[in-house]
C-alpha atoms as a PDB file:
ATOM      1  CA  MET A   1     132.152  33.393 -45.130  1.00  0.00           C
ATOM      2  CA  ASN A   2     133.736  31.312 -47.706  1.00  0.00           C
ATOM      3  CA  GLY A   3     137.529  31.630 -48.058  1.00  0.00           C
ATOM      4  CA  PRO A   4     139.267  32.348 -51.301  1.00  0.00           C
ATOM      5  CA  SER A   5     138.417  29.742 -53.939  1.00  0.00           C
ATOM      6  CA  ARG A   6     141.113  27.452 -55.200  1.00  0.00           C
ATOM      7  CA  ALA A   7     141.807  27.173 -58.905  1.00  0.00           C
ATOM      8  CA  LYS A   8     140.498  23.976 -60.380  1.00  0.00           C
ATOM      9  CA  TYR A   9     143.113  22.572 -62.737  1.00  0.00           C
ATOM     10  CA  ALA A  10     143.025  19.175 -64.372  1.00  0.00           C
ATOM     11  CA  SER A  11     146.659  18.425 -64.965  1.00  0.00           C
ATOM     12  CA  PRO A  12     147.555  16.322 -67.998  1.00  0.00           C
ATOM     13  CA  HIS A  13     150.535  15.040 -66.023  1.00  0.00           C
ATOM     14  CA  GLY A  14     148.643  12.900 -63.585  1.00  0.00           C
ATOM     15  CA  LYS A  15     147.896  12.876 -59.900  1.00  0.00           C
ATOM     16  CA  GLY A  16     151.312  14.068 -58.847  1.00  0.00           C
ATOM     17  CA  ALA A  17     150.814  17.364 -60.641  1.00  0.00           C
ATOM     18  CA  CYS A  18     147.264  17.734 -59.188  1.00  0.00           C
ATOM     19  CA  LYS A  19     148.609  17.158 -55.704  1.00  0.00           C
ATOM     20  CA  CYS A  20     151.105  19.920 -56.367  1.00  0.00           C
ATOM     21  CA  ALA A  21     148.270  22.165 -57.464  1.00  0.00           C
ATOM     22  CA  ASN A  22     146.392  21.472 -54.248  1.00  0.00           C
ATOM     23  CA  GLN A  23     149.430  22.418 -52.190  1.00  0.00           C
ATOM     24  CA  LEU A  24     150.011  25.759 -53.881  1.00  0.00           C
ATOM     25  CA  SER A  25     147.870  28.838 -53.697  1.00  0.00           C
ATOM     26  CA  ALA A  26     145.511  29.718 -56.515  1.00  0.00           C
ATOM     27  CA  ASP A  27     147.485  32.732 -57.756  1.00  0.00           C
ATOM     28  CA  GLY A  28     148.895  30.870 -60.777  1.00  0.00           C
ATOM     29  CA  HIS A  29     152.030  29.410 -59.187  1.00  0.00           C
ATOM     30  CA  CYS A  30     151.051  25.852 -60.084  1.00  0.00           C
ATOM     31  CA  LEU A  31     150.515  26.717 -63.715  1.00  0.00           C
ATOM     32  CA  PHE A  32     153.892  28.522 -63.752  1.00  0.00           C
ATOM     33  CA  TYR A  33     155.545  25.442 -62.263  1.00  0.00           C
ATOM     34  CA  LEU A  34     154.047  23.164 -64.920  1.00  0.00           C
ATOM     35  CA  VAL A  35     155.179  25.498 -67.704  1.00  0.00           C
ATOM     36  CA  ILE A  36     158.743  25.372 -66.306  1.00  0.00           C
ATOM     37  CA  VAL A  37     158.629  21.556 -66.208  1.00  0.00           C
ATOM     38  CA  GLU A  38     157.449  21.362 -69.802  1.00  0.00           C
ATOM     39  CA  HIS A  39     160.063  23.904 -70.860  1.00  0.00           C
ATOM     40  CA  SER A  40     162.798  21.832 -69.211  1.00  0.00           C
ATOM     41  CA  ARG A  41     161.681  18.730 -71.056  1.00  0.00           C
ATOM     42  CA  HIS A  42     161.768  20.557 -74.380  1.00  0.00           C
ATOM     43  CA  VAL A  43     165.233  21.900 -73.573  1.00  0.00           C
ATOM     44  CA  ARG A  44     166.486  18.370 -72.833  1.00  0.00           C
ATOM     45  CA  ARG A  45     165.001  17.055 -76.085  1.00  0.00           C
ATOM     46  CA  LEU A  46     166.502  19.943 -78.031  1.00  0.00           C
ATOM     47  CA  LYS A  47     169.866  19.329 -76.389  1.00  0.00           C
ATOM     48  CA  GLN A  48     169.777  15.638 -77.348  1.00  0.00           C
ATOM     49  CA  LEU A  49     168.797  16.549 -80.899  1.00  0.00           C
ATOM     50  CA  LEU A  50     171.695  19.010 -81.208  1.00  0.00           C
ATOM     51  CA  ILE A  51     174.124  16.428 -79.837  1.00  0.00           C
ATOM     52  CA  THR A  52     172.904  13.874 -82.382  1.00  0.00           C
ATOM     53  CA  ILE A  53     173.278  16.366 -85.248  1.00  0.00           C
ATOM     54  CA  PHE A  54     176.771  17.320 -84.051  1.00  0.00           C
ATOM     55  CA  LYS A  55     177.872  13.677 -83.918  1.00  0.00           C
ATOM     56  CA  LYS A  56     176.585  13.025 -87.428  1.00  0.00           C
ATOM     57  CA  GLN A  57     178.377  16.108 -88.775  1.00  0.00           C
ATOM     58  CA  LEU A  58     181.584  15.046 -87.009  1.00  0.00           C
ATOM     59  CA  LEU A  59     181.412  11.544 -88.523  1.00  0.00           C
ATOM     60  CA  LEU A  60     180.770  13.030 -91.963  1.00  0.00           C
ATOM     61  CA  LYS A  61     183.743  15.386 -91.571  1.00  0.00           C
ATOM     62  CA  GLN A  62     185.984  12.506 -90.495  1.00  0.00           C
ATOM     63  CA  LYS A  63     184.846  10.482 -93.491  1.00  0.00           C
ATOM     64  CA  ILE A  64     185.596  13.357 -95.882  1.00  0.00           C
ATOM     65  CA  MET A  65     188.999  13.994 -94.297  1.00  0.00           C
ATOM     66  CA  LYS A  66     189.897  10.295 -94.215  1.00  0.00           C
ATOM     67  CA  THR A  67     193.427   9.778 -95.496  1.00  0.00           C
ATOM     68  CA  SER A  68     193.452   8.318 -98.984  1.00  0.00           C
ATOM     69  CA  LYS A  69     195.261   5.006 -99.275  1.00  0.00           C
ATOM     70  CA  ILE A  70     196.119   2.576-102.044  1.00  0.00           C
ATOM     71  CA  VAL A  71     194.215  -0.703-101.861  1.00  0.00           C
ATOM     72  CA  PHE A  72     196.718  -3.558-101.517  1.00  0.00           C
ATOM     73  CA  ASN A  73     194.476  -6.290-102.926  1.00  0.00           C
ATOM     74  CA  PHE A  74     196.858  -7.542-105.599  1.00  0.00           C
ATOM     75  CA  SER A  75     196.875 -11.124-104.314  1.00  0.00           C
ATOM     76  CA  ARG A  76     193.087 -11.320-104.746  1.00  0.00           C
ATOM     77  CA  LEU A  77     193.118 -10.367-108.420  1.00  0.00           C
ATOM     78  CA  ALA A  78     192.782 -12.925-111.176  1.00  0.00           C
ATOM     79  CA  ASP A  79     195.868 -13.425-113.335  1.00  0.00           C
ATOM     80  CA  GLY A  80     194.476 -11.360-116.201  1.00  0.00           C
ATOM     81  CA  ALA A  81     193.357  -8.573-113.883  1.00  0.00           C
ATOM     82  CA  LEU A  82     196.791  -8.463-112.229  1.00  0.00           C
ATOM     83  CA  GLU A  83     198.431  -8.212-115.640  1.00  0.00           C
ATOM     84  CA  ASP A  84     196.044  -5.372-116.622  1.00  0.00           C
ATOM     85  CA  LEU A  85     196.773  -3.544-113.366  1.00  0.00           C
ATOM     86  CA  ALA A  86     200.536  -3.793-113.870  1.00  0.00           C
ATOM     87  CA  LEU A  87     200.227  -2.443-117.414  1.00  0.00           C
ATOM     88  CA  ALA A  88     197.893   0.355-116.282  1.00  0.00           C
ATOM     89  CA  VAL A  89     200.241   1.398-113.457  1.00  0.00           C
ATOM     90  CA  ALA A  90     203.223   1.392-115.818  1.00  0.00           C
ATOM     91  CA  ALA A  91     201.323   3.595-118.237  1.00  0.00           C
ATOM     92  CA  ALA A  92     200.116   5.974-115.522  1.00  0.00           C
ATOM     93  CA  MET A  93     203.537   6.269-113.883  1.00  0.00           C
ATOM     94  CA  THR A  94     205.459   6.917-117.117  1.00  0.00           C
ATOM     95  CA  GLY A  95     206.380  10.604-117.163  1.00  0.00           C
ATOM     96  CA  ASN A  96     204.333  11.241-113.999  1.00  0.00           C
ATOM     97  CA  THR A  97     205.862  14.307-112.315  1.00  0.00           C
ATOM     98  CA  HIS A  98     204.335  13.357-108.945  1.00  0.00           C
ATOM     99  CA  PHE A  99     206.551  10.261-108.827  1.00  0.00           C
ATOM    100  CA  PRO A 100     209.854  11.238-110.494  1.00  0.00           C
ATOM    101  CA  GLU A 101     212.017   8.430-109.044  1.00  0.00           C
ATOM    102  CA  PRO A 102     209.807   5.352-108.557  1.00  0.00           C
ATOM    103  CA  GLN A 103     211.168   2.538-106.431  1.00  0.00           C
ATOM    104  CA  PRO A 104     211.310  -0.076-107.811  1.00  0.00           C
ATOM    105  CA  SER A 105     211.945   1.454-111.224  1.00  0.00           C
ATOM    106  CA  LEU A 106     209.452   1.284-114.076  1.00  0.00           C
ATOM    107  CA  ASP A 107     211.984  -0.838-115.977  1.00  0.00           C
ATOM    108  CA  ALA A 108     211.817  -3.375-113.155  1.00  0.00           C
ATOM    109  CA  LEU A 109     208.008  -3.275-113.261  1.00  0.00           C
ATOM    110  CA  ASN A 110     207.958  -3.730-117.040  1.00  0.00           C
ATOM    111  CA  ASP A 111     210.425  -6.622-116.851  1.00  0.00           C
ATOM    112  CA  SER A 112     208.401  -8.326-114.133  1.00  0.00           C
ATOM    113  CA  THR A 113     205.161  -7.783-116.062  1.00  0.00           C
ATOM    114  CA  LYS A 114     206.658  -9.148-119.293  1.00  0.00           C
ATOM    115  CA  ALA A 115     207.998 -12.249-117.542  1.00  0.00           C
ATOM    116  CA  PHE A 116     204.607 -12.883-115.920  1.00  0.00           C
ATOM    117  CA  SER A 117     202.742 -12.294-119.211  1.00  0.00           C
ATOM    118  CA  ASP A 118     204.987 -14.755-121.041  1.00  0.00           C
ATOM    119  CA  ALA A 119     204.574 -17.368-118.306  1.00  0.00           C
ATOM    120  CA  LEU A 120     200.813 -16.782-118.211  1.00  0.00           C
ATOM    121  CA  ALA A 121     200.574 -17.482-121.929  1.00  0.00           C
ATOM    122  CA  LEU A 122     202.567 -20.715-121.579  1.00  0.00           C
ATOM    123  CA  ALA A 123     200.569 -21.820-118.532  1.00  0.00           C
ATOM    124  CA  ARG A 124     197.380 -21.957-120.589  1.00  0.00           C
ATOM    125  CA  SER A 125     198.497 -25.438-121.603  1.00  0.00           C
ATOM    126  CA  ARG A 126     197.912 -26.397-117.940  1.00  0.00           C
ATOM    127  CA  ASP A 127     201.289 -28.053-117.751  1.00  0.00           C
ATOM    128  CA  LYS A 128     202.049 -28.310-114.034  1.00  0.00           C
ATOM    129  CA  VAL A 129     205.612 -27.081-114.338  1.00  0.00           C
ATOM    130  CA  LYS A 130     204.602 -24.086-116.439  1.00  0.00           C
ATOM    131  CA  VAL A 131     201.772 -23.254-114.038  1.00  0.00           C
ATOM    132  CA  ALA A 132     204.203 -23.377-111.109  1.00  0.00           C
ATOM    133  CA  ILE A 133     206.604 -21.042-112.942  1.00  0.00           C
ATOM    134  CA  LYS A 134     203.716 -18.676-113.667  1.00  0.00           C
ATOM    135  CA  ASN A 135     202.699 -18.674-110.005  1.00  0.00           C
ATOM    136  CA  ASN A 136     206.257 -17.870-108.892  1.00  0.00           C
ATOM    137  CA  LEU A 137     206.460 -14.968-111.343  1.00  0.00           C
ATOM    138  CA  ARG A 138     203.057 -13.780-110.178  1.00  0.00           C
ATOM    139  CA  THR A 139     204.402 -13.622-106.618  1.00  0.00           C
ATOM    140  CA  GLU A 140     207.343 -11.536-107.842  1.00  0.00           C
ATOM    141  CA  LEU A 141     205.043  -9.173-109.756  1.00  0.00           C
ATOM    142  CA  ASN A 142     202.806  -8.896-106.708  1.00  0.00           C
ATOM    143  CA  LEU A 143     205.818  -7.899-104.591  1.00  0.00           C
ATOM    144  CA  THR A 144     206.981  -5.375-107.208  1.00  0.00           C
ATOM    145  CA  LEU A 145     203.541  -3.738-107.266  1.00  0.00           C
ATOM    146  CA  ARG A 146     203.380  -3.698-103.479  1.00  0.00           C
ATOM    147  CA  ASN A 147     206.767  -1.994-103.181  1.00  0.00           C
ATOM    148  CA  LEU A 148     205.820   0.521-105.860  1.00  0.00           C
ATOM    149  CA  ALA A 149     202.510   1.203-104.104  1.00  0.00           C
ATOM    150  CA  ASN A 150     204.389   1.864-100.849  1.00  0.00           C
ATOM    151  CA  TYR A 151     206.636   4.337-102.671  1.00  0.00           C
ATOM    152  CA  CYS A 152     203.610   6.140-104.166  1.00  0.00           C
ATOM    153  CA  SER A 153     201.915   6.288-100.758  1.00  0.00           C
ATOM    154  CA  PHE A 154     205.011   7.810 -99.170  1.00  0.00           C
ATOM    155  CA  ALA A 155     205.596  10.300-101.997  1.00  0.00           C
ATOM    156  CA  ALA A 156     201.951  11.455-102.217  1.00  0.00           C
ATOM    157  CA  LYS A 157     201.495  11.861 -98.430  1.00  0.00           C
ATOM    158  CA  GLY A 158     197.782  11.117 -98.688  1.00  0.00           C
ATOM    159  CA  ASP A 159     197.077  13.513-101.568  1.00  0.00           C
ATOM    160  CA  ARG A 160     194.231  11.787-103.374  1.00  0.00           C
ATOM    161  CA  ALA A 161     194.780  13.504-106.715  1.00  0.00           C
ATOM    162  CA  GLN A 162     198.403  12.356-106.789  1.00  0.00           C
ATOM    163  CA  LEU A 163     197.509   8.812-105.733  1.00  0.00           C
ATOM    164  CA  VAL A 164     194.816   8.566-108.410  1.00  0.00           C
ATOM    165  CA  SER A 165     197.412   9.508-111.032  1.00  0.00           C
ATOM    166  CA  SER A 166     199.504   6.457-110.051  1.00  0.00           C
ATOM    167  CA  GLY A 167     197.022   4.039-111.634  1.00  0.00           C
ATOM    168  CA  PHE A 168     196.410   2.130-108.378  1.00  0.00           C
ATOM    169  CA  SER A 169     192.943   1.729-106.865  1.00  0.00           C
ATOM    170  CA  LEU A 170     192.205   3.746-103.714  1.00  0.00           C
ATOM    171  CA  ASN A 171     190.192   3.119-100.548  1.00  0.00           C
ATOM    172  CA  ALA A 172     186.600   4.355-100.150  1.00  0.00           C
ATOM    173  CA  ASP A 173     186.628   5.747-103.653  1.00  0.00           C
ATOM    174  CA  THR A 174     183.164   7.326-103.887  1.00  0.00           C
ATOM    175  CA  ASN A 175     184.030   9.300-106.997  1.00  0.00           C
ATOM    176  CA  TYR A 176     182.937   7.003-109.772  1.00  0.00           C
ATOM    177  CA  PRO A 177     185.366   6.832-112.702  1.00  0.00           C
ATOM    178  CA  LYS A 178     184.312   8.741-115.789  1.00  0.00           C
ATOM    179  CA  THR A 179     183.042   6.530-118.574  1.00  0.00           C
ATOM    180  CA  LEU A 180     185.380   5.903-121.494  1.00  0.00           C
ATOM    181  CA  SER A 181     183.761   6.142-124.899  1.00  0.00           C
ATOM    182  CA  ALA A 182     184.020   3.252-127.359  1.00  0.00           C
ATOM    183  CA  PRO A 183     187.322   3.199-129.300  1.00  0.00           C
ATOM    184  CA  GLU A 184     187.001   4.410-132.887  1.00  0.00           C
ATOM    185  CA  ASN A 185     189.135   4.217-136.049  1.00  0.00           C
ATOM    186  CA  PHE A 186     191.677   1.752-134.707  1.00  0.00           C
ATOM    187  CA  ASN A 187     194.114   1.222-137.531  1.00  0.00           C
ATOM    188  CA  ALA A 188     197.534  -0.267-138.332  1.00  0.00           C
ATOM    189  CA  GLN A 189     199.404   1.005-141.390  1.00  0.00           C
ATOM    190  CA  LEU A 190     202.738   0.061-142.888  1.00  0.00           C
ATOM    191  CA  GLY A 191     205.501   2.607-142.386  1.00  0.00           C
ATOM    192  CA  ASN A 192     208.125   3.814-144.845  1.00  0.00           C
ATOM    193  CA  HIS A 193     210.707   1.237-143.810  1.00  0.00           C
ATOM    194  CA  SER A 194     210.810  -2.545-143.642  1.00  0.00           C
ATOM    195  CA  GLY A 195     209.455  -3.902-140.362  1.00  0.00           C
ATOM    196  CA  GLU A 196     207.731  -0.597-139.502  1.00  0.00           C
ATOM    197  CA  VAL A 197     204.047  -0.284-138.570  1.00  0.00           C
ATOM    198  CA  ILE A 198     202.148   2.814-137.406  1.00  0.00           C
ATOM    199  CA  VAL A 199     199.234   2.015-135.075  1.00  0.00           C
ATOM    200  CA  SER A 200     196.707   4.701-134.173  1.00  0.00           C
ATOM    201  CA  ILE A 201     193.256   5.381-132.789  1.00  0.00           C
ATOM    202  CA  ASN A 202     191.054   8.428-132.300  1.00  0.00           C
ATOM    203  CA  ARG A 203     191.760  10.339-129.095  1.00  0.00           C
ATOM    204  CA  ILE A 204     189.381   9.207-126.326  1.00  0.00           C
ATOM    205  CA  ALA A 205     187.819  11.616-123.832  1.00  0.00           C
ATOM    206  CA  ASN A 206     188.838  10.969-120.188  1.00  0.00           C
ATOM    207  CA  ALA A 207     191.732   8.724-121.266  1.00  0.00           C
ATOM    208  CA  ASN A 208     194.838   8.905-119.099  1.00  0.00           C
ATOM    209  CA  ALA A 209     197.085   6.734-121.296  1.00  0.00           C
ATOM    210  CA  TYR A 210     197.069   4.357-124.250  1.00  0.00           C
ATOM    211  CA  LEU A 211     198.371   0.792-124.154  1.00  0.00           C
ATOM    212  CA  LEU A 212     199.443  -0.982-127.357  1.00  0.00           C
ATOM    213  CA  LEU A 213     199.635  -4.784-127.420  1.00  0.00           C
ATOM    214  CA  TYR A 214     201.140  -6.699-130.343  1.00  0.00           C
ATOM    215  CA  LYS A 215     202.479 -10.157-131.170  1.00  0.00           C
ATOM    216  CA  LEU A 216     203.070 -12.552-134.052  1.00  0.00           C
ATOM    217  CA  ALA A 217     199.753 -13.927-135.299  1.00  0.00           C
ATOM    218  CA  SER A 218     201.296 -17.395-135.529  1.00  0.00           C
ATOM    219  CA  ALA A 219     202.009 -17.363-131.783  1.00  0.00           C
ATOM    220  CA  GLU A 220     198.429 -18.134-130.784  1.00  0.00           C
ATOM    221  CA  ASN A 221     199.267 -18.643-127.123  1.00  0.00           C
ATOM    222  CA  GLY A 222     202.238 -16.300-127.106  1.00  0.00           C
ATOM    223  CA  ALA A 223     202.559 -13.334-124.780  1.00  0.00           C
ATOM    224  CA  TRP A 224     201.760  -9.840-125.984  1.00  0.00           C
ATOM    225  CA  SER A 225     204.519  -7.257-126.208  1.00  0.00           C
ATOM    226  CA  HIS A 226     203.376  -3.852-125.057  1.00  0.00           C
ATOM    227  CA  ALA A 227     204.099  -0.144-125.195  1.00  0.00           C
ATOM    228  CA  THR A 228     202.425   2.783-123.430  1.00  0.00           C
ATOM    229  CA  ASP A 229     202.067   6.459-124.231  1.00  0.00           C
ATOM    230  CA  SER A 230     199.896   9.449-123.414  1.00  0.00           C
ATOM    231  CA  LEU A 231     199.230   9.898-127.154  1.00  0.00           C
ATOM    232  CA  PRO A 232     196.961   7.591-129.188  1.00  0.00           C
ATOM    233  CA  TYR A 233     199.488   6.521-131.806  1.00  0.00           C
ATOM    234  CA  PHE A 234     202.610   4.350-131.900  1.00  0.00           C
ATOM    235  CA  THR A 235     205.367   3.695-134.418  1.00  0.00           C
ATOM    236  CA  LEU A 236     206.757   0.178-134.156  1.00  0.00           C
ATOM    237  CA  THR A 237     210.066  -0.705-135.773  1.00  0.00           C
ATOM    238  CA  GLY A 238     212.117  -3.872-136.043  1.00  0.00           C
ATOM    239  CA  LEU A 239     209.161  -6.200-136.628  1.00  0.00           C
ATOM    240  CA  GLU A 240     209.786  -9.381-138.605  1.00  0.00           C
ATOM    241  CA  ALA A 241     209.230  -8.824-142.301  1.00  0.00           C
ATOM    242  CA  LEU A 242     206.822 -11.063-144.222  1.00  0.00           C
ATOM    243  CA  GLN A 243     205.007 -11.994-141.012  1.00  0.00           C
ATOM    244  CA  GLN A 244     201.443 -11.431-139.840  1.00  0.00           C
ATOM    245  CA  TYR A 245     201.054  -9.488-136.581  1.00  0.00           C
ATOM    246  CA  ASN A 246     198.098  -9.048-134.249  1.00  0.00           C
ATOM    247  CA  PHE A 247     197.489  -5.603-132.765  1.00  0.00           C
ATOM    248  CA  LYS A 248     195.072  -4.273-130.165  1.00  0.00           C
ATOM    249  CA  MET A 249     194.997  -1.180-128.009  1.00  0.00           C
ATOM    250  CA  GLY A 250     193.816  -0.506-124.465  1.00  0.00           C
ATOM    251  CA  ILE A 251     192.517   2.882-123.369  1.00  0.00           C
ATOM    252  CA  ILE A 252     193.283   3.521-119.700  1.00  0.00           C
ATOM    253  CA  GLY A 253     191.092   5.924-117.710  1.00  0.00           C
ATOM    254  CA  THR A 254     192.061   8.248-114.898  1.00  0.00           C
ATOM    255  CA  LYS A 255     191.323   5.573-112.276  1.00  0.00           C
ATOM    256  CA  GLY A 256     192.850   2.583-114.019  1.00  0.00           C
ATOM    257  CA  GLN A 257     189.718   1.426-115.841  1.00  0.00           C
ATOM    258  CA  THR A 258     190.641  -0.031-119.227  1.00  0.00           C
ATOM    259  CA  VAL A 259     188.720  -0.507-122.474  1.00  0.00           C
ATOM    260  CA  TYR A 260     190.210  -2.614-125.274  1.00  0.00           C
ATOM    261  CA  THR A 261     189.736  -2.500-129.027  1.00  0.00           C
ATOM    262  CA  ASP A 262     189.148  -5.567-131.149  1.00  0.00           C
ATOM    263  CA  THR A 263     192.252  -7.306-132.455  1.00  0.00           C
ATOM    264  CA  ILE A 264     193.336  -6.554-136.014  1.00  0.00           C
ATOM    265  CA  THR A 265     195.852  -8.539-138.077  1.00  0.00           C
ATOM    266  CA  LYS A 266     198.305  -6.884-140.436  1.00  0.00           C
ATOM    267  CA  PRO A 267     201.069  -8.314-142.688  1.00  0.00           C
ATOM    268  CA  VAL A 268     204.460  -6.663-142.182  1.00  0.00           C
ATOM    269  CA  VAL A 269     206.794  -6.139-145.116  1.00  0.00           C
END
């Protein structure tokens, strides 16, 4: 009499699994064993997948929560870009309630910026002495900006919104600055008194501050005097009568980006 027949099972897992099948009885234990093995493999794969997803989410969370910092790249900026940054920071910091007592003071920043701007204008002649003076004043302006950036960093305690309002550039800034529209109706009109000029422009969407630059038209290589305000109009007094003046205005965005108008020339009476 023939004994109980063994189950014939062609295992997809090779000879090792078939050997196992030959060693077990034909009541389904081998099939159960293979199902457990496959289940374990799927569990391991699922576990690895979950670990990978968790790590990616953790890295993303760390990136989002990364402390905002001011970028201290002042020494890498071109002379003109450094001048623009100093003017933009001065405009952004004026009346800024987040930074009520800036150190160094805004007067110190304005004085340093004016000295550098004047020296930069004179250095265009490429005279070696004047270039050396410009470079020394650039170093001083760089130090002033660095000290002011340290103050802003300490006062803001990593708050990105407050740091953005300082006018400095920030690290890993993935929020692209809003586009500033083209300046319109830039105008300079004579005031009611001698030496008075009223300069204005249409209000610009997304503007954080307005920067007015002016100088005698005869001073072709002369430095620009400047004034800043949150409103798009300025009243200048004490200008030299019977002289031509050049005027232009910069519109400063919420992240320091600046758009300038064309220069207009106006006689002052």
